[in-house]
Amino acid sequence: MVAFLFPGQGSQSPGMGRELLQARWAQETLAVAREITGLALEEIILSQPGELARTAVAQPAILLVEWLAWQALEQKGKEPAVVAGHSLGEFAALAAAGVFTWPEALRLVTARGQLMEEAAREHPGGMVAVLGLPREAVEAVARESGCFVANYNGPTQTVLAGREEELVRAESLAKEQGGKAVRLSVAGPFHSPYLEGAQGELARLLAEVTFHPPRCTFVSGVSGRPEGAPEKIAQLLARQMTSPVRWTEVLDTLVSLGVKEAWEVGPGEVLARLGKRGTPGIRYLALKEVMGHV
């Protein structure tokens, strides 16, 4: 049983998906992306690396590369039994599962990126990964520092979000307990209550989209469990911006479902690395390995 995993923001890099972007069969998808976003995303990815640092650009750019990767695998007759996405990646996962169309996903993600960029300007801050401490210890650090848990990425990797002074306090507390704190290259305190305004705007857009039952098993990063009811999936996606990503629970769910291989359908190797550390019983492949594998 194979799962397709779609990464989120932070996985982008200049030149990502070059072969996919330059494929002749990809031109129709690129044209649709230009029409929806108003951006020449392929040109930005290949020749304007500085723009990829912007949340409003990075999010639709990542989704584009993920969808091209999905199309490439679909052309080879490869379909997943299970899909899941890390934050932004859930939109690609849901489109792959037929819950809504890819153009609808891109419209939502384009708006999402703009809303999150605006929220980051209104609420300056960032995110820090705490390594080497169990989640209970990091949750205590969050409470004492005023931060919020943003991502449960692994047994000893938990990401916090907050304002600058809160992050500095969290880093100090984590180091005092023997942990390591690594700042993430993101523009704001995502997956925290600071995004409530942006989340409300996106929820209104989500209400205009028709959600269909997934044609394969979808595991939600908000609940960490399989979700099949369209109404429930819509509700969870509407809560996503301010809810922690429960990736550790997603990985445990993959094990319980009997997944034997998990393919990272997108740029980078973040999810493959997390999976190898968290659930070594599953064989994880990054996209470059997948394309050579199939």
Protein backbone atom coordinates (compact mmCIF):
# COMPACT_ATOMS: atom_id res chain seq x y z
CA MET A 1 0.00 0.00 0.00
CA VAL A 2 1.44 3.34 -1.10
CA ALA A 3 0.74 6.78 0.39
CA PHE A 4 1.39 10.07 -1.42
CA LEU A 5 2.59 12.84 0.92
CA PHE A 6 2.53 16.48 -0.16
CA PRO A 7 4.92 18.91 1.62
CA GLY A 8 4.16 22.44 2.75
CA GLN A 9 5.81 25.84 2.83
CA GLY A 10 9.52 25.66 3.54
CA SER A 11 10.07 22.92 0.99
CA GLN A 12 10.52 25.41 -1.85
CA SER A 13 13.88 26.07 -3.49
CA PRO A 14 15.04 27.87 -6.64
CA GLY A 15 14.75 25.64 -9.68
CA MET A 16 12.49 23.11 -7.96
CA GLY A 17 10.72 20.78 -10.36
CA ARG A 18 12.71 22.06 -13.34
CA GLU A 19 12.17 18.96 -15.50
CA LEU A 20 8.46 18.97 -14.71
CA LEU A 21 8.08 22.67 -15.48
CA GLN A 22 9.84 22.26 -18.82
CA ALA A 23 7.94 19.16 -19.91
CA ARG A 24 5.82 19.64 -23.04
CA TRP A 25 2.78 18.04 -21.41
CA ALA A 26 2.96 20.55 -18.52
CA GLN A 27 2.24 23.62 -20.64
CA GLU A 28 -1.54 23.41 -20.25
CA THR A 29 -1.21 23.28 -16.47
CA LEU A 30 1.21 26.22 -16.51
CA ALA A 31 -1.24 28.25 -18.58
CA VAL A 32 -4.02 27.55 -16.09
CA ALA A 33 -1.71 28.56 -13.24
CA ARG A 34 -0.84 31.86 -14.95
CA GLU A 35 -4.52 32.63 -15.50
CA ILE A 36 -5.52 31.90 -11.90
CA THR A 37 -2.57 33.46 -10.05
CA GLY A 38 -1.60 36.24 -12.43
CA LEU A 39 1.99 35.07 -11.95
CA ALA A 40 4.44 33.39 -14.30
CA LEU A 41 5.30 30.87 -11.62
CA GLU A 42 7.61 28.80 -13.79
CA GLU A 43 9.73 31.90 -14.54
CA ILE A 44 9.82 32.83 -10.85
CA ILE A 45 10.87 29.33 -9.83
CA LEU A 46 13.57 29.05 -12.48
CA SER A 47 14.98 32.59 -12.56
CA GLN A 48 13.67 34.77 -9.70
CA PRO A 49 14.72 32.96 -6.50
CA GLY A 50 14.18 35.97 -4.26
CA GLU A 51 10.44 35.94 -4.95
CA LEU A 52 10.14 32.43 -3.52
CA ALA A 53 10.80 33.86 -0.06
CA ARG A 54 7.41 35.58 -0.20
CA THR A 55 4.57 33.58 1.29
CA ALA A 56 2.13 34.83 -1.37
CA VAL A 57 4.41 33.46 -4.11
CA ALA A 58 5.87 30.37 -2.43
CA GLN A 59 2.51 28.76 -1.68
CA PRO A 60 1.08 28.67 -5.23
CA ALA A 61 4.56 27.82 -6.58
CA ILE A 62 4.84 24.77 -4.32
CA LEU A 63 1.31 23.68 -5.20
CA LEU A 64 2.13 23.96 -8.90
CA VAL A 65 5.20 21.71 -8.59
CA GLU A 66 3.23 19.23 -6.47
CA TRP A 67 0.48 19.01 -9.05
CA LEU A 68 2.93 18.52 -11.90
CA ALA A 69 4.57 15.73 -9.89
CA TRP A 70 1.14 14.20 -9.33
CA GLN A 71 0.38 14.40 -13.05
CA ALA A 72 3.73 12.79 -13.91
CA LEU A 73 2.96 9.86 -11.61
CA GLU A 74 -0.61 9.60 -12.88
CA GLN A 75 0.73 9.34 -16.45
CA LYS A 76 2.78 6.35 -15.29
CA GLY A 77 -0.36 4.71 -13.92
CA LYS A 78 0.58 5.32 -10.29
CA GLU A 79 -2.21 6.14 -7.86
CA PRO A 80 -2.11 6.22 -4.06
CA ALA A 81 -4.17 4.27 -1.59
CA VAL A 82 -3.69 7.08 0.95
CA VAL A 83 -2.95 10.81 0.67
CA ALA A 84 -1.91 13.38 3.26
CA GLY A 85 -0.41 16.84 3.19
CA HIS A 86 1.62 18.94 5.60
CA SER A 87 -0.23 22.26 6.01
CA LEU A 88 -0.27 23.79 2.50
CA GLY A 89 0.25 20.29 1.10
CA GLU A 90 -3.27 19.31 2.19
CA PHE A 91 -4.70 21.30 -0.72
CA ALA A 92 -2.71 19.19 -3.19
CA ALA A 93 -3.66 16.01 -1.32
CA LEU A 94 -7.35 16.88 -1.45
CA ALA A 95 -7.18 17.74 -5.16
CA ALA A 96 -5.38 14.43 -5.82
CA ALA A 97 -8.16 12.65 -3.93
CA GLY A 98 -10.84 14.39 -6.01
CA VAL A 99 -12.32 16.31 -3.06
CA PHE A 100 -12.10 19.45 -5.19
CA THR A 101 -10.38 20.28 -8.48
CA TRP A 102 -6.81 21.45 -8.85
CA PRO A 103 -7.86 24.88 -10.23
CA GLU A 104 -10.05 25.28 -7.13
CA ALA A 105 -7.10 24.27 -4.96
CA LEU A 106 -4.87 26.82 -6.68
CA ARG A 107 -7.42 29.61 -6.27
CA LEU A 108 -7.70 28.81 -2.57
CA VAL A 109 -3.94 28.56 -2.08
CA THR A 110 -3.31 31.81 -3.95
CA ALA A 111 -5.72 33.56 -1.60
CA ARG A 112 -4.28 31.68 1.38
CA GLY A 113 -0.75 32.84 0.62
CA GLN A 114 -1.86 36.46 0.27
CA LEU A 115 -3.89 36.33 3.48
CA MET A 116 -1.04 34.76 5.44
CA GLU A 117 1.46 37.28 4.11
CA GLU A 118 -0.83 40.12 5.20
CA ALA A 119 -1.34 38.50 8.62
CA ALA A 120 2.41 38.21 9.07
CA ARG A 121 2.77 41.95 8.49
CA GLU A 122 0.04 42.66 11.04
CA HIS A 123 1.47 40.20 13.58
CA PRO A 124 5.27 40.09 13.17
CA GLY A 125 6.85 36.93 14.43
CA GLY A 126 8.08 33.57 13.28
CA MET A 127 8.54 29.91 14.11
CA VAL A 128 11.20 27.86 15.86
CA ALA A 129 11.77 24.11 15.76
CA VAL A 130 12.64 22.59 19.13
CA LEU A 131 14.70 19.43 18.76
CA GLY A 132 15.69 16.80 21.29
CA LEU A 133 12.86 17.30 23.77
CA PRO A 134 9.65 15.27 24.12
CA ARG A 135 6.43 17.00 23.11
CA GLU A 136 5.25 17.40 26.72
CA ALA A 137 8.39 19.38 27.56
CA VAL A 138 7.95 21.59 24.50
CA GLU A 139 4.29 22.17 25.34
CA ALA A 140 5.47 23.40 28.76
CA VAL A 141 7.99 25.70 27.05
CA ALA A 142 5.17 27.06 24.90
CA ARG A 143 2.99 27.81 27.92
CA GLU A 144 5.80 29.55 29.80
CA SER A 145 7.04 31.57 26.82
CA GLY A 146 3.66 32.58 25.42
CA CYS A 147 4.27 30.68 22.16
CA PHE A 148 1.88 28.25 20.52
CA VAL A 149 2.58 24.73 19.28
CA ALA A 150 2.41 24.91 15.47
CA ASN A 151 3.67 21.50 14.29
CA TYR A 152 4.05 18.13 15.95
CA ASN A 153 6.59 16.85 13.43
CA GLY A 154 8.11 13.97 15.37
CA PRO A 155 8.61 12.52 18.86
CA THR A 156 11.45 14.98 19.51
CA GLN A 157 10.73 17.68 16.92
CA THR A 158 8.03 20.21 17.75
CA VAL A 159 7.63 23.62 16.14
CA LEU A 160 6.49 26.70 18.05
CA ALA A 161 5.04 29.94 16.67
CA GLY A 162 4.99 33.36 18.29
CA ARG A 163 6.17 36.94 18.38
CA GLU A 164 9.87 37.69 18.50
CA GLU A 165 10.08 38.16 22.27
CA GLU A 166 8.11 34.94 22.80
CA LEU A 167 10.38 33.01 20.46
CA VAL A 168 13.53 34.30 22.20
CA ARG A 169 12.11 33.18 25.55
CA ALA A 170 11.18 29.77 24.12
CA GLU A 171 14.66 29.29 22.67
CA SER A 172 16.21 30.07 26.05
CA LEU A 173 13.90 27.71 27.92
CA ALA A 174 14.47 24.89 25.41
CA LYS A 175 18.24 25.21 25.65
CA GLU A 176 18.08 25.24 29.46
CA GLN A 177 16.40 21.82 29.26
CA GLY A 178 19.01 20.40 26.92
CA GLY A 179 17.11 20.90 23.68
CA LYS A 180 18.14 22.62 20.47
CA ALA A 181 16.21 25.52 18.95
CA VAL A 182 16.35 26.24 15.21
CA ARG A 183 14.61 29.23 13.64
CA LEU A 184 12.59 28.44 10.55
CA SER A 185 12.70 30.57 7.42
CA VAL A 186 9.07 31.66 7.49
CA ALA A 187 7.56 35.13 7.54
CA GLY A 188 5.14 34.85 10.45
CA PRO A 189 3.70 32.96 13.43
CA PHE A 190 1.74 30.49 11.31
CA HIS A 191 -0.59 27.82 12.76
CA SER A 192 -1.36 30.01 15.75
CA PRO A 193 -4.21 32.28 16.92
CA TYR A 194 -2.38 35.21 15.29
CA LEU A 195 -3.85 33.92 12.00
CA GLU A 196 -7.49 34.07 13.10
CA GLY A 197 -8.34 37.01 10.83
CA ALA A 198 -6.79 35.34 7.78
CA GLN A 199 -8.48 32.06 8.65
CA GLY A 200 -11.88 33.74 8.74
CA GLU A 201 -11.37 35.16 5.25
CA LEU A 202 -10.25 31.79 3.87
CA ALA A 203 -13.20 30.04 5.52
CA ARG A 204 -15.55 32.27 3.53
CA LEU A 205 -13.82 31.21 0.31
CA LEU A 206 -13.94 27.54 1.32
CA ALA A 207 -17.70 27.86 1.86
CA GLU A 208 -18.06 28.61 -1.87
CA VAL A 209 -16.36 25.33 -2.88
CA THR A 210 -18.17 22.00 -3.26
CA PHE A 211 -16.37 19.22 -1.36
CA HIS A 212 -16.72 15.64 -2.66
CA PRO A 213 -15.96 12.34 -0.88
CA PRO A 214 -12.28 11.41 -1.37
CA ARG A 215 -11.66 8.61 -3.87
CA CYS A 216 -8.87 7.24 -1.68
CA THR A 217 -8.13 7.46 2.04
CA PHE A 218 -7.37 11.04 3.13
CA VAL A 219 -5.56 11.58 6.44
CA SER A 220 -6.08 15.06 7.87
CA GLY A 221 -3.15 16.96 9.33
CA VAL A 222 -5.57 18.81 11.61
CA SER A 223 -7.14 15.71 13.19
CA GLY A 224 -4.32 13.26 12.42
CA ARG A 225 -6.95 10.69 11.39
CA PRO A 226 -8.61 9.43 8.21
CA GLU A 227 -11.50 11.69 7.21
CA GLY A 228 -14.06 10.83 4.56
CA ALA A 229 -17.10 13.03 5.13
CA PRO A 230 -16.94 16.10 2.85
CA GLU A 231 -18.51 18.35 5.51
CA LYS A 232 -15.95 17.28 8.11
CA ILE A 233 -13.04 17.75 5.70
CA ALA A 234 -14.28 21.27 4.91
CA GLN A 235 -14.55 22.11 8.61
CA LEU A 236 -11.04 20.83 9.33
CA LEU A 237 -9.54 22.72 6.39
CA ALA A 238 -11.25 25.90 7.61
CA ARG A 239 -9.49 25.44 10.98
CA GLN A 240 -6.11 24.61 9.50
CA MET A 241 -4.40 28.03 9.69
CA THR A 242 -4.69 28.29 13.48
CA SER A 243 -4.42 24.60 14.34
CA PRO A 244 -1.19 22.66 14.91
CA VAL A 245 -0.13 20.23 12.21
CA ARG A 246 -0.38 16.79 13.83
CA TRP A 247 2.15 15.14 11.56
CA THR A 248 3.29 12.63 14.19
CA GLU A 249 -0.28 11.36 14.39
CA VAL A 250 -0.54 11.30 10.59
CA LEU A 251 2.53 9.04 10.44
CA ASP A 252 1.13 6.76 13.14
CA THR A 253 -2.10 6.56 11.15
CA LEU A 254 -0.19 5.53 8.03
CA VAL A 255 1.27 2.63 10.02
CA SER A 256 -2.13 1.59 11.35
CA LEU A 257 -3.57 1.66 7.82
CA GLY A 258 -0.90 -0.75 6.63
CA VAL A 259 1.05 1.67 4.42
CA LYS A 260 4.33 0.10 3.28
CA GLU A 261 5.70 2.93 1.12
CA ALA A 262 5.22 6.70 1.28
CA TRP A 263 6.23 8.92 -1.63
CA GLU A 264 6.92 12.63 -1.18
CA VAL A 265 5.09 14.20 -4.11
CA GLY A 266 6.67 17.65 -4.17
CA PRO A 267 9.95 19.50 -3.77
CA GLY A 268 12.51 18.68 -1.11
CA GLU A 269 12.85 15.78 1.28
CA VAL A 270 11.39 17.19 4.50
CA LEU A 271 8.58 14.66 4.85
CA ALA A 272 10.74 11.71 3.81
CA ARG A 273 13.28 12.60 6.51
CA LEU A 274 10.60 13.06 9.17
CA GLY A 275 9.03 9.75 8.24
CA LYS A 276 12.29 7.80 8.31
CA ARG A 277 12.92 9.04 11.86
CA GLY A 278 9.36 8.65 13.11
CA THR A 279 8.10 5.45 11.47
CA PRO A 280 11.05 3.43 10.14
CA GLY A 281 8.77 0.51 9.25
CA ILE A 282 7.57 2.46 6.19
CA ARG A 283 9.82 2.95 3.18
CA TYR A 284 9.95 6.68 2.40
CA LEU A 285 11.02 8.05 -0.98
CA ALA A 286 11.65 11.68 -1.95
CA LEU A 287 10.40 12.80 -5.38
CA LYS A 288 13.74 12.32 -7.14
CA GLU A 289 13.83 8.75 -5.82
CA VAL A 290 10.21 8.19 -6.77
CA MET A 291 10.76 9.25 -10.36
CA GLY A 292 13.70 6.87 -10.64
CA HIS A 293 11.76 4.16 -8.83
CA VAL A 294 8.72 4.15 -11.12
